[in-house]
Amino acid sequence: MTEPTWPTPATRPDAFERLPGLYRRWEMQQVLDARHDFHIEEAGTATDGTQLFAVYRRRHNHEEASNE
């Protein structure tokens, strides 16, 4: 049995849109919602040493997820 492969911006760039800006961990609650699938990538550090993340999103597609 193989693990399901979920699309990512690298494998399906047409399926995701990148949200503008970079985000800190504590800002994620303002970005995430239940209507989208998200892909989060490490994007470096701020001058104060805080980790920054790039966020990509796409609309839920339950049919696609169940077919994979």
PDB file of N, CA and C in Angstrom:
ATOM      1  N   MET A   1       0.843  -1.179   0.000  1.00  0.00           N
ATOM      2  CA  MET A   1       0.000   0.000   0.000  1.00  0.00           C
ATOM      3  C   MET A   1       0.886   1.239   0.000  1.00  0.00           C
ATOM      4  N   THR A   2       0.598   2.157  -0.878  1.00  0.00           N
ATOM      5  CA  THR A   2       1.413   3.369  -0.970  1.00  0.00           C
ATOM      6  C   THR A   2       0.732   4.523  -0.249  1.00  0.00           C
ATOM      7  N   GLU A   3       1.561   5.412   0.217  1.00  0.00           N
ATOM      8  CA  GLU A   3       1.052   6.616   0.884  1.00  0.00           C
ATOM      9  C   GLU A   3       0.435   7.537  -0.165  1.00  0.00           C
ATOM     10  N   PRO A   4      -0.669   8.213   0.161  1.00  0.00           N
ATOM     11  CA  PRO A   4      -1.234   9.164  -0.803  1.00  0.00           C
ATOM     12  C   PRO A   4      -0.280  10.345  -0.997  1.00  0.00           C
ATOM     13  N   THR A   5      -0.195  10.821  -2.205  1.00  0.00           N
ATOM     14  CA  THR A   5       0.634  11.992  -2.490  1.00  0.00           C
ATOM     15  C   THR A   5      -0.264  13.202  -2.626  1.00  0.00           C
ATOM     16  N   TRP A   6      -0.019  14.187  -1.825  1.00  0.00           N
ATOM     17  CA  TRP A   6      -0.809  15.411  -1.880  1.00  0.00           C
ATOM     18  C   TRP A   6      -0.120  16.398  -2.791  1.00  0.00           C
ATOM     19  N   PRO A   7      -0.881  17.131  -3.574  1.00  0.00           N
ATOM     20  CA  PRO A   7      -0.263  18.133  -4.447  1.00  0.00           C
ATOM     21  C   PRO A   7       0.417  19.228  -3.633  1.00  0.00           C
ATOM     22  N   THR A   8       1.495  19.733  -4.164  1.00  0.00           N
ATOM     23  CA  THR A   8       2.210  20.855  -3.563  1.00  0.00           C
ATOM     24  C   THR A   8       2.432  21.903  -4.648  1.00  0.00           C
ATOM     25  N   PRO A   9       2.847  23.109  -4.288  1.00  0.00           N
ATOM     26  CA  PRO A   9       3.130  24.106  -5.320  1.00  0.00           C
ATOM     27  C   PRO A   9       4.214  23.635  -6.299  1.00  0.00           C
ATOM     28  N   ALA A  10       5.129  22.783  -5.841  1.00  0.00           N
ATOM     29  CA  ALA A  10       6.182  22.286  -6.733  1.00  0.00           C
ATOM     30  C   ALA A  10       5.637  21.285  -7.747  1.00  0.00           C
ATOM     31  N   THR A  11       4.679  20.446  -7.324  1.00  0.00           N
ATOM     32  CA  THR A  11       4.144  19.423  -8.231  1.00  0.00           C
ATOM     33  C   THR A  11       2.938  19.902  -9.016  1.00  0.00           C
ATOM     34  N   ARG A  12       2.194  20.859  -8.496  1.00  0.00           N
ATOM     35  CA  ARG A  12       0.993  21.394  -9.164  1.00  0.00           C
ATOM     36  C   ARG A  12       0.945  22.910  -9.024  1.00  0.00           C
ATOM     37  N   PRO A  13       1.870  23.643  -9.648  1.00  0.00           N
ATOM     38  CA  PRO A  13       1.908  25.103  -9.463  1.00  0.00           C
ATOM     39  C   PRO A  13       0.631  25.803  -9.899  1.00  0.00           C
ATOM     40  N   ASP A  14      -0.104  25.219 -10.838  1.00  0.00           N
ATOM     41  CA  ASP A  14      -1.349  25.831 -11.305  1.00  0.00           C
ATOM     42  C   ASP A  14      -2.472  25.725 -10.280  1.00  0.00           C
ATOM     43  N   ALA A  15      -2.346  24.832  -9.315  1.00  0.00           N
ATOM     44  CA  ALA A  15      -3.407  24.604  -8.335  1.00  0.00           C
ATOM     45  C   ALA A  15      -3.313  25.538  -7.127  1.00  0.00           C
ATOM     46  N   PHE A  16      -2.156  26.132  -6.895  1.00  0.00           N
ATOM     47  CA  PHE A  16      -1.929  26.939  -5.698  1.00  0.00           C
ATOM     48  C   PHE A  16      -1.702  28.400  -6.042  1.00  0.00           C
ATOM     49  N   GLU A  17      -2.099  29.265  -5.121  1.00  0.00           N
ATOM     50  CA  GLU A  17      -1.729  30.675  -5.215  1.00  0.00           C
ATOM     51  C   GLU A  17      -0.914  31.010  -3.974  1.00  0.00           C
ATOM     52  N   ARG A  18       0.139  31.790  -4.159  1.00  0.00           N
ATOM     53  CA  ARG A  18       0.969  32.184  -3.022  1.00  0.00           C
ATOM     54  C   ARG A  18       0.373  33.431  -2.403  1.00  0.00           C
ATOM     55  N   LEU A  19       0.194  33.391  -1.102  1.00  0.00           N
ATOM     56  CA  LEU A  19      -0.283  34.575  -0.397  1.00  0.00           C
ATOM     57  C   LEU A  19       0.868  35.578  -0.320  1.00  0.00           C
ATOM     58  N   PRO A  20       0.592  36.855  -0.522  1.00  0.00           N
ATOM     59  CA  PRO A  20       1.676  37.841  -0.481  1.00  0.00           C
ATOM     60  C   PRO A  20       2.265  37.964   0.919  1.00  0.00           C
ATOM     61  N   GLY A  21       3.542  38.192   0.963  1.00  0.00           N
ATOM     62  CA  GLY A  21       4.219  38.399   2.237  1.00  0.00           C
ATOM     63  C   GLY A  21       4.764  37.124   2.838  1.00  0.00           C
ATOM     64  N   LEU A  22       5.439  37.291   3.961  1.00  0.00           N
ATOM     65  CA  LEU A  22       5.953  36.176   4.751  1.00  0.00           C
ATOM     66  C   LEU A  22       5.317  36.265   6.125  1.00  0.00           C
ATOM     67  N   TYR A  23       5.149  35.121   6.768  1.00  0.00           N
ATOM     68  CA  TYR A  23       4.377  35.076   8.007  1.00  0.00           C
ATOM     69  C   TYR A  23       5.178  34.438   9.129  1.00  0.00           C
ATOM     70  N   ARG A  24       4.934  34.937  10.329  1.00  0.00           N
ATOM     71  CA  ARG A  24       5.500  34.346  11.539  1.00  0.00           C
ATOM     72  C   ARG A  24       4.525  33.300  12.063  1.00  0.00           C
ATOM     73  N   ARG A  25       5.014  32.394  12.896  1.00  0.00           N
ATOM     74  CA  ARG A  25       4.162  31.310  13.428  1.00  0.00           C
ATOM     75  C   ARG A  25       2.887  31.834  14.059  1.00  0.00           C
ATOM     76  N   TRP A  26       2.980  32.875  14.855  1.00  0.00           N
ATOM     77  CA  TRP A  26       1.797  33.365  15.575  1.00  0.00           C
ATOM     78  C   TRP A  26       0.819  34.107  14.669  1.00  0.00           C
ATOM     79  N   GLU A  27       1.194  34.371  13.421  1.00  0.00           N
ATOM     80  CA  GLU A  27       0.272  35.002  12.479  1.00  0.00           C
ATOM     81  C   GLU A  27      -0.542  33.977  11.684  1.00  0.00           C
ATOM     82  N   MET A  28      -0.207  32.705  11.804  1.00  0.00           N
ATOM     83  CA  MET A  28      -0.886  31.666  11.017  1.00  0.00           C
ATOM     84  C   MET A  28      -2.385  31.606  11.302  1.00  0.00           C
ATOM     85  N   GLN A  29      -2.800  31.840  12.525  1.00  0.00           N
ATOM     86  CA  GLN A  29      -4.234  31.777  12.843  1.00  0.00           C
ATOM     87  C   GLN A  29      -5.030  32.834  12.086  1.00  0.00           C
ATOM     88  N   GLN A  30      -4.376  33.897  11.643  1.00  0.00           N
ATOM     89  CA  GLN A  30      -5.063  34.928  10.864  1.00  0.00           C
ATOM     90  C   GLN A  30      -5.098  34.580   9.375  1.00  0.00           C
ATOM     91  N   VAL A  31      -4.303  33.617   8.954  1.00  0.00           N
ATOM     92  CA  VAL A  31      -4.167  33.261   7.544  1.00  0.00           C
ATOM     93  C   VAL A  31      -4.956  31.998   7.200  1.00  0.00           C
ATOM     94  N   LEU A  32      -4.920  31.010   8.068  1.00  0.00           N
ATOM     95  CA  LEU A  32      -5.533  29.711   7.783  1.00  0.00           C
ATOM     96  C   LEU A  32      -7.043  29.750   7.945  1.00  0.00           C
ATOM     97  N   ASP A  33      -7.742  28.978   7.117  1.00  0.00           N
ATOM     98  CA  ASP A  33      -9.189  28.831   7.242  1.00  0.00           C
ATOM     99  C   ASP A  33      -9.586  27.430   6.782  1.00  0.00           C
ATOM    100  N   ALA A  34     -10.829  27.073   6.984  1.00  0.00           N
ATOM    101  CA  ALA A  34     -11.302  25.720   6.677  1.00  0.00           C
ATOM    102  C   ALA A  34     -11.695  25.536   5.216  1.00  0.00           C
ATOM    103  N   ARG A  35     -11.732  26.593   4.427  1.00  0.00           N
ATOM    104  CA  ARG A  35     -12.175  26.489   3.029  1.00  0.00           C
ATOM    105  C   ARG A  35     -11.050  26.165   2.056  1.00  0.00           C
ATOM    106  N   HIS A  36      -9.812  26.133   2.523  1.00  0.00           N
ATOM    107  CA  HIS A  36      -8.665  25.942   1.642  1.00  0.00           C
ATOM    108  C   HIS A  36      -7.741  24.847   2.167  1.00  0.00           C
ATOM    109  N   ASP A  37      -6.948  24.288   1.255  1.00  0.00           N
ATOM    110  CA  ASP A  37      -5.808  23.451   1.616  1.00  0.00           C
ATOM    111  C   ASP A  37      -4.598  24.373   1.604  1.00  0.00           C
ATOM    112  N   PHE A  38      -3.679  24.168   2.520  1.00  0.00           N
ATOM    113  CA  PHE A  38      -2.519  25.041   2.619  1.00  0.00           C
ATOM    114  C   PHE A  38      -1.230  24.253   2.501  1.00  0.00           C
ATOM    115  N   HIS A  39      -0.230  24.893   1.948  1.00  0.00           N
ATOM    116  CA  HIS A  39       1.131  24.365   1.904  1.00  0.00           C
ATOM    117  C   HIS A  39       2.002  25.473   2.477  1.00  0.00           C
ATOM    118  N   ILE A  40       2.788  25.142   3.487  1.00  0.00           N
ATOM    119  CA  ILE A  40       3.608  26.140   4.177  1.00  0.00           C
ATOM    120  C   ILE A  40       5.068  25.740   4.038  1.00  0.00           C
ATOM    121  N   GLU A  41       5.897  26.694   3.627  1.00  0.00           N
ATOM    122  CA  GLU A  41       7.327  26.449   3.443  1.00  0.00           C
ATOM    123  C   GLU A  41       8.132  27.420   4.286  1.00  0.00           C
ATOM    124  N   GLU A  42       9.230  26.936   4.839  1.00  0.00           N
ATOM    125  CA  GLU A  42      10.146  27.811   5.559  1.00  0.00           C
ATOM    126  C   GLU A  42      10.734  28.808   4.560  1.00  0.00           C
ATOM    127  N   ALA A  43      10.811  30.075   4.960  1.00  0.00           N
ATOM    128  CA  ALA A  43      11.267  31.112   4.030  1.00  0.00           C
ATOM    129  C   ALA A  43      12.359  31.996   4.624  1.00  0.00           C
ATOM    130  N   GLY A  44      13.055  31.513   5.634  1.00  0.00           N
ATOM    131  CA  GLY A  44      14.156  32.284   6.200  1.00  0.00           C
ATOM    132  C   GLY A  44      13.839  32.829   7.576  1.00  0.00           C
ATOM    133  N   THR A  45      14.613  33.836   7.979  1.00  0.00           N
ATOM    134  CA  THR A  45      14.424  34.439   9.294  1.00  0.00           C
ATOM    135  C   THR A  45      14.415  35.959   9.174  1.00  0.00           C
ATOM    136  N   ALA A  46      13.685  36.582  10.076  1.00  0.00           N
ATOM    137  CA  ALA A  46      13.651  38.046  10.158  1.00  0.00           C
ATOM    138  C   ALA A  46      14.933  38.527  10.839  1.00  0.00           C
ATOM    139  N   THR A  47      15.162  39.826  10.840  1.00  0.00           N
ATOM    140  CA  THR A  47      16.383  40.366  11.451  1.00  0.00           C
ATOM    141  C   THR A  47      16.463  40.079  12.947  1.00  0.00           C
ATOM    142  N   ASP A  48      15.306  39.871  13.589  1.00  0.00           N
ATOM    143  CA  ASP A  48      15.310  39.551  15.019  1.00  0.00           C
ATOM    144  C   ASP A  48      15.441  38.049  15.279  1.00  0.00           C
ATOM    145  N   GLY A  49      15.622  37.251  14.221  1.00  0.00           N
ATOM    146  CA  GLY A  49      15.801  35.811  14.374  1.00  0.00           C
ATOM    147  C   GLY A  49      14.517  35.000  14.302  1.00  0.00           C
ATOM    148  N   THR A  50      13.373  35.659  14.142  1.00  0.00           N
ATOM    149  CA  THR A  50      12.086  34.968  14.052  1.00  0.00           C
ATOM    150  C   THR A  50      11.984  34.220  12.727  1.00  0.00           C
ATOM    151  N   GLN A  51      11.561  32.961  12.791  1.00  0.00           N
ATOM    152  CA  GLN A  51      11.372  32.163  11.584  1.00  0.00           C
ATOM    153  C   GLN A  51      10.229  32.717  10.747  1.00  0.00           C
ATOM    154  N   LEU A  52      10.400  32.759   9.425  1.00  0.00           N
ATOM    155  CA  LEU A  52       9.377  33.250   8.506  1.00  0.00           C
ATOM    156  C   LEU A  52       8.936  32.126   7.572  1.00  0.00           C
ATOM    157  N   PHE A  53       7.664  32.181   7.157  1.00  0.00           N
ATOM    158  CA  PHE A  53       7.094  31.139   6.319  1.00  0.00           C
ATOM    159  C   PHE A  53       6.358  31.743   5.131  1.00  0.00           C
ATOM    160  N   ALA A  54       6.469  31.076   3.978  1.00  0.00           N
ATOM    161  CA  ALA A  54       5.668  31.403   2.799  1.00  0.00           C
ATOM    162  C   ALA A  54       4.445  30.497   2.837  1.00  0.00           C
ATOM    163  N   VAL A  55       3.282  31.041   2.470  1.00  0.00           N
ATOM    164  CA  VAL A  55       2.032  30.283   2.533  1.00  0.00           C
ATOM    165  C   VAL A  55       1.404  30.227   1.144  1.00  0.00           C
ATOM    166  N   TYR A  56       1.039  29.016   0.734  1.00  0.00           N
ATOM    167  CA  TYR A  56       0.338  28.779  -0.528  1.00  0.00           C
ATOM    168  C   TYR A  56      -1.019  28.186  -0.190  1.00  0.00           C
ATOM    169  N   ARG A  57      -2.037  28.490  -0.989  1.00  0.00           N
ATOM    170  CA  ARG A  57      -3.352  27.917  -0.710  1.00  0.00           C
ATOM    171  C   ARG A  57      -4.052  27.516  -2.002  1.00  0.00           C
ATOM    172  N   ARG A  58      -4.993  26.591  -1.847  1.00  0.00           N
ATOM    173  CA  ARG A  58      -5.874  26.195  -2.946  1.00  0.00           C
ATOM    174  C   ARG A  58      -7.212  25.824  -2.342  1.00  0.00           C
ATOM    175  N   ARG A  59      -8.260  25.911  -3.134  1.00  0.00           N
ATOM    176  CA  ARG A  59      -9.593  25.531  -2.659  1.00  0.00           C
ATOM    177  C   ARG A  59      -9.628  24.036  -2.410  1.00  0.00           C
ATOM    178  N   HIS A  60     -10.411  23.606  -1.433  1.00  0.00           N
ATOM    179  CA  HIS A  60     -10.606  22.178  -1.184  1.00  0.00           C
ATOM    180  C   HIS A  60     -11.138  21.514  -2.435  1.00  0.00           C
ATOM    181  N   ASN A  61     -10.633  20.333  -2.725  1.00  0.00           N
ATOM    182  CA  ASN A  61     -11.169  19.530  -3.812  1.00  0.00           C
ATOM    183  C   ASN A  61     -11.240  18.103  -3.290  1.00  0.00           C
ATOM    184  N   HIS A  62     -12.311  17.794  -2.585  1.00  0.00           N
ATOM    185  CA  HIS A  62     -12.435  16.488  -1.940  1.00  0.00           C
ATOM    186  C   HIS A  62     -12.450  15.349  -2.950  1.00  0.00           C
ATOM    187  N   GLU A  63     -12.978  15.581  -4.137  1.00  0.00           N
ATOM    188  CA  GLU A  63     -13.014  14.532  -5.153  1.00  0.00           C
ATOM    189  C   GLU A  63     -11.599  14.148  -5.572  1.00  0.00           C
ATOM    190  N   GLU A  64     -10.734  15.133  -5.775  1.00  0.00           N
ATOM    191  CA  GLU A  64      -9.350  14.857  -6.152  1.00  0.00           C
ATOM    192  C   GLU A  64      -8.640  14.082  -5.055  1.00  0.00           C
ATOM    193  N   ALA A  65      -8.834  14.486  -3.800  1.00  0.00           N
ATOM    194  CA  ALA A  65      -8.179  13.817  -2.683  1.00  0.00           C
ATOM    195  C   ALA A  65      -8.630  12.370  -2.563  1.00  0.00           C
ATOM    196  N   SER A  66      -9.887  12.091  -2.833  1.00  0.00           N
ATOM    197  CA  SER A  66     -10.379  10.722  -2.699  1.00  0.00           C
ATOM    198  C   SER A  66      -9.948   9.841  -3.863  1.00  0.00           C
ATOM    199  N   ASN A  67      -9.584  10.435  -5.004  1.00  0.00           N
ATOM    200  CA  ASN A  67      -9.144   9.658  -6.159  1.00  0.00           C
ATOM    201  C   ASN A  67      -7.670   9.303  -6.102  1.00  0.00           C
ATOM    202  N   GLU A  68      -6.910   9.936  -5.253  1.00  0.00           N
ATOM    203  CA  GLU A  68      -5.467   9.685  -5.217  1.00  0.00           C
ATOM    204  C   GLU A  68      -5.124   8.570  -4.285  1.00  0.00           C
TER     205      GLU A  68
END
